[in-house]
Amino acid sequence: MLHRCAAQRGGRCNEQGYPVAGPFPADTIFIKARDGEYDAIVTMYHDQGQIAIKLLGFKSGVTVQGGLPIPITTPAHGTAFDIAGQGKADVNPTRNAFAIAKRMGTNLRALRLETASA
């Protein structure tokens, strides 16, 4: 539902209980999120968010791809091909991405079941 209400600058989202604010300049919003003022940031395109995520949370950041019929998440560090098979990779970012995808999938399924029974 966030994708539908976010286009209206948060008004409808806020009415539905989703605390949404913005738009904000990309050069300062990530500092506010780092300092705890916001829980998440939605960017207009991949590179706008990836640089900041990698700088602020390389080992914990998760990229969520929006606008698709199924949840897609990836660890912020990407595939780490350069260290694959060497026993150097930290699996926690992948676990974080999987946990978010699982939560999104569970919520999506519940929404579809609710819609189908209405």
Foldseek 3Di string as FASTA:
>chain_A
DCVVCVVVQCPVVVVVVHDGHDDDDLVCVLVCVLVPVDVDDDDPDDVSPLVSCCVRPQPAAKDWDDDDLATDIDQSVPPPPVCPPVPPDDCNSVVNRVVVRVVVRVVSVVVVVVVVVD
